[in-house]
mmCIF file of all heavy atoms, coordinates in Angstrom:
data_MODEL
# 
_entry.id   MODEL 
# 
loop_
_atom_site.group_PDB 
_atom_site.id 
_atom_site.type_symbol 
_atom_site.label_atom_id 
_atom_site.label_alt_id 
_atom_site.label_comp_id 
_atom_site.label_asym_id 
_atom_site.label_entity_id 
_atom_site.label_seq_id 
_atom_site.pdbx_PDB_ins_code 
_atom_site.Cartn_x 
_atom_site.Cartn_y 
_atom_site.Cartn_z 
_atom_site.occupancy 
_atom_site.B_iso_or_equiv 
_atom_site.pdbx_formal_charge 
_atom_site.auth_seq_id 
_atom_site.auth_comp_id 
_atom_site.auth_asym_id 
_atom_site.auth_atom_id 
_atom_site.pdbx_PDB_model_num 
ATOM 1   N N   . HIS A 1 1  ? 13.287  -3.821 18.638 1.00 0.00 ? 1  HIS A N   1 
ATOM 2   C CA  . HIS A 1 1  ? 12.319  -4.631 17.899 1.00 0.00 ? 1  HIS A CA  1 
ATOM 3   C C   . HIS A 1 1  ? 10.895  -4.267 18.307 1.00 0.00 ? 1  HIS A C   1 
ATOM 4   O O   . HIS A 1 1  ? 10.009  -4.119 17.466 1.00 0.00 ? 1  HIS A O   1 
ATOM 5   C CB  . HIS A 1 1  ? 12.578  -6.118 18.133 1.00 0.00 ? 1  HIS A CB  1 
ATOM 6   C CG  . HIS A 1 1  ? 11.648  -7.001 17.370 1.00 0.00 ? 1  HIS A CG  1 
ATOM 7   N ND1 . HIS A 1 1  ? 10.509  -7.512 17.928 1.00 0.00 ? 1  HIS A ND1 1 
ATOM 8   C CD2 . HIS A 1 1  ? 11.671  -7.438 16.085 1.00 0.00 ? 1  HIS A CD2 1 
ATOM 9   C CE1 . HIS A 1 1  ? 9.869   -8.226 17.033 1.00 0.00 ? 1  HIS A CE1 1 
ATOM 10  N NE2 . HIS A 1 1  ? 10.556  -8.215 15.902 1.00 0.00 ? 1  HIS A NE2 1 
ATOM 11  N N   . THR A 1 2  ? 10.655  -4.096 19.606 1.00 0.00 ? 2  THR A N   1 
ATOM 12  C CA  . THR A 1 2  ? 9.330   -3.718 20.100 1.00 0.00 ? 2  THR A CA  1 
ATOM 13  C C   . THR A 1 2  ? 8.928   -2.353 19.553 1.00 0.00 ? 2  THR A C   1 
ATOM 14  O O   . THR A 1 2  ? 7.783   -2.151 19.141 1.00 0.00 ? 2  THR A O   1 
ATOM 15  C CB  . THR A 1 2  ? 9.319   -3.695 21.639 1.00 0.00 ? 2  THR A CB  1 
ATOM 16  O OG1 . THR A 1 2  ? 9.713   -4.987 22.112 1.00 0.00 ? 2  THR A OG1 1 
ATOM 17  C CG2 . THR A 1 2  ? 7.948   -3.348 22.176 1.00 0.00 ? 2  THR A CG2 1 
ATOM 18  N N   . ASN A 1 3  ? 9.847   -1.406 19.515 1.00 0.00 ? 3  ASN A N   1 
ATOM 19  C CA  . ASN A 1 3  ? 9.550   -0.076 18.973 1.00 0.00 ? 3  ASN A CA  1 
ATOM 20  C C   . ASN A 1 3  ? 9.206   -0.143 17.489 1.00 0.00 ? 3  ASN A C   1 
ATOM 21  O O   . ASN A 1 3  ? 8.288   0.536  17.030 1.00 0.00 ? 3  ASN A O   1 
ATOM 22  C CB  . ASN A 1 3  ? 10.720  0.883  19.191 1.00 0.00 ? 3  ASN A CB  1 
ATOM 23  C CG  . ASN A 1 3  ? 10.889  1.250  20.652 1.00 0.00 ? 3  ASN A CG  1 
ATOM 24  O OD1 . ASN A 1 3  ? 9.958   1.117  21.440 1.00 0.00 ? 3  ASN A OD1 1 
ATOM 25  N ND2 . ASN A 1 3  ? 12.083  1.711  21.012 1.00 0.00 ? 3  ASN A ND2 1 
ATOM 26  N N   . LEU A 1 4  ? 9.950   -0.955 16.721 1.00 0.00 ? 4  LEU A N   1 
ATOM 27  C CA  . LEU A 1 4  ? 9.662   -1.104 15.298 1.00 0.00 ? 4  LEU A CA  1 
ATOM 28  C C   . LEU A 1 4  ? 8.284   -1.722 15.080 1.00 0.00 ? 4  LEU A C   1 
ATOM 29  O O   . LEU A 1 4  ? 7.524   -1.290 14.216 1.00 0.00 ? 4  LEU A O   1 
ATOM 30  C CB  . LEU A 1 4  ? 10.731  -1.958 14.617 1.00 0.00 ? 4  LEU A CB  1 
ATOM 31  C CG  . LEU A 1 4  ? 12.045  -1.274 14.309 1.00 0.00 ? 4  LEU A CG  1 
ATOM 32  C CD1 . LEU A 1 4  ? 13.058  -2.289 13.789 1.00 0.00 ? 4  LEU A CD1 1 
ATOM 33  C CD2 . LEU A 1 4  ? 11.850  -0.166 13.298 1.00 0.00 ? 4  LEU A CD2 1 
ATOM 34  N N   . VAL A 1 5  ? 7.950   -2.732 15.870 1.00 0.00 ? 5  VAL A N   1 
ATOM 35  C CA  . VAL A 1 5  ? 6.649   -3.380 15.745 1.00 0.00 ? 5  VAL A CA  1 
ATOM 36  C C   . VAL A 1 5  ? 5.543   -2.393 16.083 1.00 0.00 ? 5  VAL A C   1 
ATOM 37  O O   . VAL A 1 5  ? 4.524   -2.314 15.395 1.00 0.00 ? 5  VAL A O   1 
ATOM 38  C CB  . VAL A 1 5  ? 6.567   -4.647 16.630 1.00 0.00 ? 5  VAL A CB  1 
ATOM 39  C CG1 . VAL A 1 5  ? 5.140   -5.155 16.718 1.00 0.00 ? 5  VAL A CG1 1 
ATOM 40  C CG2 . VAL A 1 5  ? 7.490   -5.720 16.104 1.00 0.00 ? 5  VAL A CG2 1 
ATOM 41  N N   . GLN A 1 6  ? 5.719   -1.615 17.142 1.00 0.00 ? 6  GLN A N   1 
ATOM 42  C CA  . GLN A 1 6  ? 4.710   -0.639 17.541 1.00 0.00 ? 6  GLN A CA  1 
ATOM 43  C C   . GLN A 1 6  ? 4.480   0.402  16.446 1.00 0.00 ? 6  GLN A C   1 
ATOM 44  O O   . GLN A 1 6  ? 3.359   0.873  16.266 1.00 0.00 ? 6  GLN A O   1 
ATOM 45  C CB  . GLN A 1 6  ? 5.121   0.066  18.847 1.00 0.00 ? 6  GLN A CB  1 
ATOM 46  C CG  . GLN A 1 6  ? 5.048   -0.814 20.069 1.00 0.00 ? 6  GLN A CG  1 
ATOM 47  C CD  . GLN A 1 6  ? 3.631   -1.279 20.371 1.00 0.00 ? 6  GLN A CD  1 
ATOM 48  O OE1 . GLN A 1 6  ? 2.660   -0.659 19.987 1.00 0.00 ? 6  GLN A OE1 1 
ATOM 49  N NE2 . GLN A 1 6  ? 3.526   -2.405 21.059 1.00 0.00 ? 6  GLN A NE2 1 
ATOM 50  N N   . GLN A 1 7  ? 5.515   0.782  15.707 1.00 0.00 ? 7  GLN A N   1 
ATOM 51  C CA  . GLN A 1 7  ? 5.374   1.769  14.634 1.00 0.00 ? 7  GLN A CA  1 
ATOM 52  C C   . GLN A 1 7  ? 4.529   1.237  13.492 1.00 0.00 ? 7  GLN A C   1 
ATOM 53  O O   . GLN A 1 7  ? 3.929   2.006  12.757 1.00 0.00 ? 7  GLN A O   1 
ATOM 54  C CB  . GLN A 1 7  ? 6.744   2.184  14.106 1.00 0.00 ? 7  GLN A CB  1 
ATOM 55  C CG  . GLN A 1 7  ? 7.548   3.006  15.073 1.00 0.00 ? 7  GLN A CG  1 
ATOM 56  C CD  . GLN A 1 7  ? 8.949   3.272  14.539 1.00 0.00 ? 7  GLN A CD  1 
ATOM 57  O OE1 . GLN A 1 7  ? 9.337   2.778  13.479 1.00 0.00 ? 7  GLN A OE1 1 
ATOM 58  N NE2 . GLN A 1 7  ? 9.715   4.040  15.278 1.00 0.00 ? 7  GLN A NE2 1 
ATOM 59  N N   . HIS A 1 8  ? 4.464   -0.081 13.306 1.00 0.00 ? 8  HIS A N   1 
ATOM 60  C CA  . HIS A 1 8  ? 3.751   -0.672 12.180 1.00 0.00 ? 8  HIS A CA  1 
ATOM 61  C C   . HIS A 1 8  ? 2.388   -1.259 12.562 1.00 0.00 ? 8  HIS A C   1 
ATOM 62  O O   . HIS A 1 8  ? 1.805   -1.997 11.792 1.00 0.00 ? 8  HIS A O   1 
ATOM 63  C CB  . HIS A 1 8  ? 4.613   -1.747 11.516 1.00 0.00 ? 8  HIS A CB  1 
ATOM 64  C CG  . HIS A 1 8  ? 5.851   -1.200 10.903 1.00 0.00 ? 8  HIS A CG  1 
ATOM 65  N ND1 . HIS A 1 8  ? 5.842   -0.362 9.820  1.00 0.00 ? 8  HIS A ND1 1 
ATOM 66  C CD2 . HIS A 1 8  ? 7.151   -1.338 11.238 1.00 0.00 ? 8  HIS A CD2 1 
ATOM 67  C CE1 . HIS A 1 8  ? 7.064   -0.014 9.504  1.00 0.00 ? 8  HIS A CE1 1 
ATOM 68  N NE2 . HIS A 1 8  ? 7.888   -0.596 10.356 1.00 0.00 ? 8  HIS A NE2 1 
ATOM 69  N N   . LEU A 1 9  ? 1.886   -0.923 13.739 1.00 0.00 ? 9  LEU A N   1 
ATOM 70  C CA  . LEU A 1 9  ? 0.566   -1.379 14.139 1.00 0.00 ? 9  LEU A CA  1 
ATOM 71  C C   . LEU A 1 9  ? -0.463  -0.290 13.859 1.00 0.00 ? 9  LEU A C   1 
ATOM 72  O O   . LEU A 1 9  ? -0.136  0.885  13.753 1.00 0.00 ? 9  LEU A O   1 
ATOM 73  C CB  . LEU A 1 9  ? 0.545   -1.732 15.631 1.00 0.00 ? 9  LEU A CB  1 
ATOM 74  C CG  . LEU A 1 9  ? 1.368   -2.947 16.035 1.00 0.00 ? 9  LEU A CG  1 
ATOM 75  C CD1 . LEU A 1 9  ? 1.299   -3.166 17.532 1.00 0.00 ? 9  LEU A CD1 1 
ATOM 76  C CD2 . LEU A 1 9  ? 0.910   -4.202 15.306 1.00 0.00 ? 9  LEU A CD2 1 
ATOM 77  N N   . PHE A 1 10 ? -1.732  -0.688 13.740 1.00 0.00 ? 10 PHE A N   1 
ATOM 78  C CA  . PHE A 1 10 ? -2.810  0.269  13.511 1.00 0.00 ? 10 PHE A CA  1 
ATOM 79  C C   . PHE A 1 10 ? -2.963  1.194  14.715 1.00 0.00 ? 10 PHE A C   1 
ATOM 80  O O   . PHE A 1 10 ? -2.915  0.753  15.858 1.00 0.00 ? 10 PHE A O   1 
ATOM 81  C CB  . PHE A 1 10 ? -4.131  -0.468 13.292 1.00 0.00 ? 10 PHE A CB  1 
ATOM 82  C CG  . PHE A 1 10 ? -4.422  -0.828 11.864 1.00 0.00 ? 10 PHE A CG  1 
ATOM 83  C CD1 . PHE A 1 10 ? -3.438  -0.820 10.908 1.00 0.00 ? 10 PHE A CD1 1 
ATOM 84  C CD2 . PHE A 1 10 ? -5.704  -1.177 11.496 1.00 0.00 ? 10 PHE A CD2 1 
ATOM 85  C CE1 . PHE A 1 10 ? -3.718  -1.162 9.603  1.00 0.00 ? 10 PHE A CE1 1 
ATOM 86  C CE2 . PHE A 1 10 ? -5.996  -1.515 10.195 1.00 0.00 ? 10 PHE A CE2 1 
ATOM 87  C CZ  . PHE A 1 10 ? -4.998  -1.508 9.238  1.00 0.00 ? 10 PHE A CZ  1 
ATOM 88  N N   . GLY A 1 11 ? -3.212  2.443  14.428 1.00 0.00 ? 11 GLY A N   1 
ATOM 89  C CA  . GLY A 1 11 ? -3.558  3.420  15.452 1.00 0.00 ? 11 GLY A CA  1 
ATOM 90  C C   . GLY A 1 11 ? -5.043  3.738  15.353 1.00 0.00 ? 11 GLY A C   1 
ATOM 91  O O   . GLY A 1 11 ? -5.776  3.149  14.555 1.00 0.00 ? 11 GLY A O   1 
ATOM 92  N N   . TRP A 1 12 ? -5.516  4.699  16.135 1.00 0.00 ? 12 TRP A N   1 
ATOM 93  C CA  . TRP A 1 12 ? -6.936  5.034  16.140 1.00 0.00 ? 12 TRP A CA  1 
ATOM 94  C C   . TRP A 1 12 ? -7.401  5.541  14.779 1.00 0.00 ? 12 TRP A C   1 
ATOM 95  O O   . TRP A 1 12 ? -8.503  5.242  14.350 1.00 0.00 ? 12 TRP A O   1 
ATOM 96  C CB  . TRP A 1 12 ? -7.262  6.037  17.251 1.00 0.00 ? 12 TRP A CB  1 
ATOM 97  C CG  . TRP A 1 12 ? -6.669  7.405  17.019 1.00 0.00 ? 12 TRP A CG  1 
ATOM 98  C CD1 . TRP A 1 12 ? -5.455  7.859  17.436 1.00 0.00 ? 12 TRP A CD1 1 
ATOM 99  C CD2 . TRP A 1 12 ? -7.271  8.471  16.291 1.00 0.00 ? 12 TRP A CD2 1 
ATOM 100 N NE1 . TRP A 1 12 ? -5.256  9.138  17.004 1.00 0.00 ? 12 TRP A NE1 1 
ATOM 101 C CE2 . TRP A 1 12 ? -6.359  9.549  16.301 1.00 0.00 ? 12 TRP A CE2 1 
ATOM 102 C CE3 . TRP A 1 12 ? -8.475  8.619  15.628 1.00 0.00 ? 12 TRP A CE3 1 
ATOM 103 C CZ2 . TRP A 1 12 ? -6.629  10.753 15.670 1.00 0.00 ? 12 TRP A CZ2 1 
ATOM 104 C CZ3 . TRP A 1 12 ? -8.739  9.837  15.005 1.00 0.00 ? 12 TRP A CZ3 1 
ATOM 105 C CH2 . TRP A 1 12 ? -7.821  10.880 15.038 1.00 0.00 ? 12 TRP A CH2 1 
ATOM 106 N N   . LEU A 1 13 ? -6.542  6.306  14.082 1.00 0.00 ? 13 LEU A N   1 
ATOM 107 C CA  . LEU A 1 13 ? -6.921  6.830  12.765 1.00 0.00 ? 13 LEU A CA  1 
ATOM 108 C C   . LEU A 1 13 ? -7.063  5.690  11.745 1.00 0.00 ? 13 LEU A C   1 
ATOM 109 O O   . LEU A 1 13 ? -7.995  5.690  10.933 1.00 0.00 ? 13 LEU A O   1 
ATOM 110 C CB  . LEU A 1 13 ? -5.895  7.857  12.287 1.00 0.00 ? 13 LEU A CB  1 
ATOM 111 C CG  . LEU A 1 13 ? -6.176  8.525  10.955 1.00 0.00 ? 13 LEU A CG  1 
ATOM 112 C CD1 . LEU A 1 13 ? -7.493  9.293  11.005 1.00 0.00 ? 13 LEU A CD1 1 
ATOM 113 C CD2 . LEU A 1 13 ? -5.039  9.459  10.562 1.00 0.00 ? 13 LEU A CD2 1 
ATOM 114 N N   . ASP A 1 14 ? -6.156  4.731  11.808 1.00 0.00 ? 14 ASP A N   1 
ATOM 115 C CA  . ASP A 1 14 ? -6.228  3.585  10.901 1.00 0.00 ? 14 ASP A CA  1 
ATOM 116 C C   . ASP A 1 14 ? -7.522  2.796  11.110 1.00 0.00 ? 14 ASP A C   1 
ATOM 117 O O   . ASP A 1 14 ? -8.199  2.428  10.141 1.00 0.00 ? 14 ASP A O   1 
ATOM 118 C CB  . ASP A 1 14 ? -5.028  2.658  11.100 1.00 0.00 ? 14 ASP A CB  1 
ATOM 119 C CG  . ASP A 1 14 ? -3.712  3.351  10.838 1.00 0.00 ? 14 ASP A CG  1 
ATOM 120 O OD1 . ASP A 1 14 ? -3.588  3.975  9.764  1.00 0.00 ? 14 ASP A OD1 1 
ATOM 121 O OD2 . ASP A 1 14 ? -2.822  3.276  11.703 1.00 0.00 ? 14 ASP A OD2 1 
ATOM 122 N N   . TYR A 1 15 ? -7.850  2.528  12.383 1.00 0.00 ? 15 TYR A N   1 
ATOM 123 C CA  . TYR A 1 15 ? -9.089  1.809  12.677 1.00 0.00 ? 15 TYR A CA  1 
ATOM 124 C C   . TYR A 1 15 ? -10.316 2.600  12.243 1.00 0.00 ? 15 TYR A C   1 
ATOM 125 O O   . TYR A 1 15 ? -11.275 2.042  11.710 1.00 0.00 ? 15 TYR A O   1 
ATOM 126 C CB  . TYR A 1 15 ? -9.187  1.478  14.173 1.00 0.00 ? 15 TYR A CB  1 
ATOM 127 C CG  . TYR A 1 15 ? -8.339  0.304  14.582 1.00 0.00 ? 15 TYR A CG  1 
ATOM 128 C CD1 . TYR A 1 15 ? -7.234  0.479  15.413 1.00 0.00 ? 15 TYR A CD1 1 
ATOM 129 C CD2 . TYR A 1 15 ? -8.646  -0.982 14.146 1.00 0.00 ? 15 TYR A CD2 1 
ATOM 130 C CE1 . TYR A 1 15 ? -6.455  -0.598 15.794 1.00 0.00 ? 15 TYR A CE1 1 
ATOM 131 C CE2 . TYR A 1 15 ? -7.870  -2.055 14.526 1.00 0.00 ? 15 TYR A CE2 1 
ATOM 132 C CZ  . TYR A 1 15 ? -6.782  -1.864 15.345 1.00 0.00 ? 15 TYR A CZ  1 
ATOM 133 O OH  . TYR A 1 15 ? -6.010  -2.936 15.714 1.00 0.00 ? 15 TYR A OH  1 
ATOM 134 N N   . THR A 1 16 ? -10.284 3.915  12.442 1.00 0.00 ? 16 THR A N   1 
ATOM 135 C CA  . THR A 1 16 ? -11.412 4.762  12.038 1.00 0.00 ? 16 THR A CA  1 
ATOM 136 C C   . THR A 1 16 ? -11.610 4.692  10.531 1.00 0.00 ? 16 THR A C   1 
ATOM 137 O O   . THR A 1 16 ? -12.739 4.514  10.051 1.00 0.00 ? 16 THR A O   1 
ATOM 138 C CB  . THR A 1 16 ? -11.173 6.220  12.480 1.00 0.00 ? 16 THR A CB  1 
ATOM 139 O OG1 . THR A 1 16 ? -10.968 6.241  13.892 1.00 0.00 ? 16 THR A OG1 1 
ATOM 140 C CG2 . THR A 1 16 ? -12.343 7.109  12.115 1.00 0.00 ? 16 THR A CG2 1 
ATOM 141 N N   . LEU A 1 17 ? -10.529 4.846  9.772  1.00 0.00 ? 17 LEU A N   1 
ATOM 142 C CA  . LEU A 1 17 ? -10.636 4.786  8.311  1.00 0.00 ? 17 LEU A CA  1 
ATOM 143 C C   . LEU A 1 17 ? -11.091 3.413  7.833  1.00 0.00 ? 17 LEU A C   1 
ATOM 144 O O   . LEU A 1 17 ? -11.882 3.309  6.892  1.00 0.00 ? 17 LEU A O   1 
ATOM 145 C CB  . LEU A 1 17 ? -9.308  5.172  7.666  1.00 0.00 ? 17 LEU A CB  1 
ATOM 146 C CG  . LEU A 1 17 ? -8.903  6.636  7.822  1.00 0.00 ? 17 LEU A CG  1 
ATOM 147 C CD1 . LEU A 1 17 ? -7.503  6.863  7.270  1.00 0.00 ? 17 LEU A CD1 1 
ATOM 148 C CD2 . LEU A 1 17 ? -9.900  7.538  7.133  1.00 0.00 ? 17 LEU A CD2 1 
ATOM 149 N N   . LEU A 1 18 ? -10.615 2.355  8.475  1.00 0.00 ? 18 LEU A N   1 
ATOM 150 C CA  . LEU A 1 18 ? -11.028 1.003  8.105  1.00 0.00 ? 18 LEU A CA  1 
ATOM 151 C C   . LEU A 1 18 ? -12.533 0.827  8.330  1.00 0.00 ? 18 LEU A C   1 
ATOM 152 O O   . LEU A 1 18 ? -13.245 0.320  7.453  1.00 0.00 ? 18 LEU A O   1 
ATOM 153 C CB  . LEU A 1 18 ? -10.241 -0.032 8.911  1.00 0.00 ? 18 LEU A CB  1 
ATOM 154 C CG  . LEU A 1 18 ? -10.596 -1.491 8.651  1.00 0.00 ? 18 LEU A CG  1 
ATOM 155 C CD1 . LEU A 1 18 ? -10.240 -1.898 7.225  1.00 0.00 ? 18 LEU A CD1 1 
ATOM 156 C CD2 . LEU A 1 18 ? -9.900  -2.398 9.657  1.00 0.00 ? 18 LEU A CD2 1 
ATOM 157 N N   . VAL A 1 19 ? -13.029 1.269  9.473  1.00 0.00 ? 19 VAL A N   1 
ATOM 158 C CA  . VAL A 1 19 ? -14.452 1.135  9.773  1.00 0.00 ? 19 VAL A CA  1 
ATOM 159 C C   . VAL A 1 19 ? -15.288 1.986  8.819  1.00 0.00 ? 19 VAL A C   1 
ATOM 160 O O   . VAL A 1 19 ? -16.316 1.529  8.300  1.00 0.00 ? 19 VAL A O   1 
ATOM 161 C CB  . VAL A 1 19 ? -14.739 1.504  11.251 1.00 0.00 ? 19 VAL A CB  1 
ATOM 162 C CG1 . VAL A 1 19 ? -16.225 1.657  11.513 1.00 0.00 ? 19 VAL A CG1 1 
ATOM 163 C CG2 . VAL A 1 19 ? -14.142 0.456  12.172 1.00 0.00 ? 19 VAL A CG2 1 
ATOM 164 N N   . VAL A 1 20 ? -14.855 3.231  8.548  1.00 0.00 ? 20 VAL A N   1 
ATOM 165 C CA  . VAL A 1 20 ? -15.585 4.101  7.618  1.00 0.00 ? 20 VAL A CA  1 
ATOM 166 C C   . VAL A 1 20 ? -15.653 3.470  6.237  1.00 0.00 ? 20 VAL A C   1 
ATOM 167 O O   . VAL A 1 20 ? -16.704 3.453  5.593  1.00 0.00 ? 20 VAL A O   1 
ATOM 168 C CB  . VAL A 1 20 ? -14.939 5.510  7.556  1.00 0.00 ? 20 VAL A CB  1 
ATOM 169 C CG1 . VAL A 1 20 ? -15.459 6.315  6.380  1.00 0.00 ? 20 VAL A CG1 1 
ATOM 170 C CG2 . VAL A 1 20 ? -15.184 6.254  8.856  1.00 0.00 ? 20 VAL A CG2 1 
ATOM 171 N N   . MET A 1 21 ? -14.534 2.906  5.762  1.00 0.00 ? 21 MET A N   1 
ATOM 172 C CA  . MET A 1 21 ? -14.513 2.254  4.448  1.00 0.00 ? 21 MET A CA  1 
ATOM 173 C C   . MET A 1 21 ? -15.438 1.045  4.405  1.00 0.00 ? 21 MET A C   1 
ATOM 174 O O   . MET A 1 21 ? -16.199 0.858  3.455  1.00 0.00 ? 21 MET A O   1 
ATOM 175 C CB  . MET A 1 21 ? -13.076 1.841  4.102  1.00 0.00 ? 21 MET A CB  1 
ATOM 176 C CG  . MET A 1 21 ? -12.887 1.273  2.716  1.00 0.00 ? 21 MET A CG  1 
ATOM 177 S SD  . MET A 1 21 ? -12.980 -0.531 2.541  1.00 0.00 ? 21 MET A SD  1 
ATOM 178 C CE  . MET A 1 21 ? -11.980 -1.150 3.828  1.00 0.00 ? 21 MET A CE  1 
ATOM 179 N N   . LEU A 1 22 ? -15.425 0.230  5.450  1.00 0.00 ? 22 LEU A N   1 
ATOM 180 C CA  . LEU A 1 22 ? -16.289 -0.953 5.487  1.00 0.00 ? 22 LEU A CA  1 
ATOM 181 C C   . LEU A 1 22 ? -17.759 -0.569 5.548  1.00 0.00 ? 22 LEU A C   1 
ATOM 182 O O   . LEU A 1 22 ? -18.593 -1.169 4.869  1.00 0.00 ? 22 LEU A O   1 
ATOM 183 C CB  . LEU A 1 22 ? -15.906 -1.850 6.666  1.00 0.00 ? 22 LEU A CB  1 
ATOM 184 C CG  . LEU A 1 22 ? -14.564 -2.563 6.561  1.00 0.00 ? 22 LEU A CG  1 
ATOM 185 C CD1 . LEU A 1 22 ? -14.244 -3.297 7.862  1.00 0.00 ? 22 LEU A CD1 1 
ATOM 186 C CD2 . LEU A 1 22 ? -14.534 -3.514 5.391  1.00 0.00 ? 22 LEU A CD2 1 
ATOM 187 N N   . VAL A 1 23 ? -18.093 0.445  6.350  1.00 0.00 ? 23 VAL A N   1 
ATOM 188 C CA  . VAL A 1 23 ? -19.483 0.891  6.448  1.00 0.00 ? 23 VAL A CA  1 
ATOM 189 C C   . VAL A 1 23 ? -19.939 1.490  5.126  1.00 0.00 ? 23 VAL A C   1 
ATOM 190 O O   . VAL A 1 23 ? -21.043 1.195  4.645  1.00 0.00 ? 23 VAL A O   1 
ATOM 191 C CB  . VAL A 1 23 ? -19.652 1.900  7.614  1.00 0.00 ? 23 VAL A CB  1 
ATOM 192 C CG1 . VAL A 1 23 ? -20.991 2.600  7.552  1.00 0.00 ? 23 VAL A CG1 1 
ATOM 193 C CG2 . VAL A 1 23 ? -19.477 1.189  8.944  1.00 0.00 ? 23 VAL A CG2 1 
ATOM 194 N N   . ALA A 1 24 ? -19.095 2.322  4.503  1.00 0.00 ? 24 ALA A N   1 
ATOM 195 C CA  . ALA A 1 24 ? -19.466 2.956  3.226  1.00 0.00 ? 24 ALA A CA  1 
ATOM 196 C C   . ALA A 1 24 ? -19.699 1.918  2.138  1.00 0.00 ? 24 ALA A C   1 
ATOM 197 O O   . ALA A 1 24 ? -20.707 1.978  1.423  1.00 0.00 ? 24 ALA A O   1 
ATOM 198 C CB  . ALA A 1 24 ? -18.390 3.952  2.800  1.00 0.00 ? 24 ALA A CB  1 
ATOM 199 N N   . THR A 1 25 ? -18.809 0.953  2.009  1.00 0.00 ? 25 THR A N   1 
ATOM 200 C CA  . THR A 1 25 ? -18.990 -0.059 0.967  1.00 0.00 ? 25 THR A CA  1 
ATOM 201 C C   . THR A 1 25 ? -20.200 -0.943 1.261  1.00 0.00 ? 25 THR A C   1 
ATOM 202 O O   . THR A 1 25 ? -20.904 -1.350 0.342  1.00 0.00 ? 25 THR A O   1 
ATOM 203 C CB  . THR A 1 25 ? -17.728 -0.928 0.782  1.00 0.00 ? 25 THR A CB  1 
ATOM 204 O OG1 . THR A 1 25 ? -17.352 -1.491 2.039  1.00 0.00 ? 25 THR A OG1 1 
ATOM 205 C CG2 . THR A 1 25 ? -16.575 -0.120 0.231  1.00 0.00 ? 25 THR A CG2 1 
ATOM 206 N N   . SER A 1 26 ? -20.450 -1.217 2.537  1.00 0.00 ? 26 SER A N   1 
ATOM 207 C CA  . SER A 1 26 ? -21.649 -1.993 2.889  1.00 0.00 ? 26 SER A CA  1 
ATOM 208 C C   . SER A 1 26 ? -22.921 -1.226 2.553  1.00 0.00 ? 26 SER A C   1 
ATOM 209 O O   . SER A 1 26 ? -23.886 -1.804 2.041  1.00 0.00 ? 26 SER A O   1 
ATOM 210 C CB  . SER A 1 26 ? -21.633 -2.344 4.378  1.00 0.00 ? 26 SER A CB  1 
ATOM 211 O OG  . SER A 1 26 ? -20.531 -3.163 4.673  1.00 0.00 ? 26 SER A OG  1 
ATOM 212 N N   . LEU A 1 27 ? -22.947 0.068  2.838  1.00 0.00 ? 27 LEU A N   1 
ATOM 213 C CA  . LEU A 1 27 ? -24.122 0.880  2.524  1.00 0.00 ? 27 LEU A CA  1 
ATOM 214 C C   . LEU A 1 27 ? -24.356 0.984  1.021  1.00 0.00 ? 27 LEU A C   1 
ATOM 215 O O   . LEU A 1 27 ? -25.501 0.934  0.566  1.00 0.00 ? 27 LEU A O   1 
ATOM 216 C CB  . LEU A 1 27 ? -23.990 2.275  3.145  1.00 0.00 ? 27 LEU A CB  1 
ATOM 217 C CG  . LEU A 1 27 ? -24.101 2.333  4.666  1.00 0.00 ? 27 LEU A CG  1 
ATOM 218 C CD1 . LEU A 1 27 ? -23.837 3.742  5.178  1.00 0.00 ? 27 LEU A CD1 1 
ATOM 219 C CD2 . LEU A 1 27 ? -25.453 1.825  5.138  1.00 0.00 ? 27 LEU A CD2 1 
ATOM 220 N N   . ILE A 1 28 ? -23.282 1.109  0.247  1.00 0.00 ? 28 ILE A N   1 
ATOM 221 C CA  . ILE A 1 28 ? -23.418 1.150  -1.214 1.00 0.00 ? 28 ILE A CA  1 
ATOM 222 C C   . ILE A 1 28 ? -24.008 -0.166 -1.722 1.00 0.00 ? 28 ILE A C   1 
ATOM 223 O O   . ILE A 1 28 ? -24.944 -0.175 -2.525 1.00 0.00 ? 28 ILE A O   1 
ATOM 224 C CB  . ILE A 1 28 ? -22.061 1.447  -1.886 1.00 0.00 ? 28 ILE A CB  1 
ATOM 225 C CG1 . ILE A 1 28 ? -21.642 2.882  -1.605 1.00 0.00 ? 28 ILE A CG1 1 
ATOM 226 C CG2 . ILE A 1 28 ? -22.130 1.195  -3.397 1.00 0.00 ? 28 ILE A CG2 1 
ATOM 227 C CD1 . ILE A 1 28 ? -20.206 3.187  -1.985 1.00 0.00 ? 28 ILE A CD1 1 
ATOM 228 N N   . GLY A 1 29 ? -23.483 -1.283 -1.248 1.00 0.00 ? 29 GLY A N   1 
ATOM 229 C CA  . GLY A 1 29 ? -24.010 -2.584 -1.643 1.00 0.00 ? 29 GLY A CA  1 
ATOM 230 C C   . GLY A 1 29 ? -25.451 -2.776 -1.224 1.00 0.00 ? 29 GLY A C   1 
ATOM 231 O O   . GLY A 1 29 ? -26.278 -3.291 -1.984 1.00 0.00 ? 29 GLY A O   1 
# 
């Protein structure tokens, strides 16, 4: 169960893409 949960958590790439998307949309606005 712990291994399955760990597979579905955000990694560094996910956090990077999330931050880039939020910054880009904020800058456009």
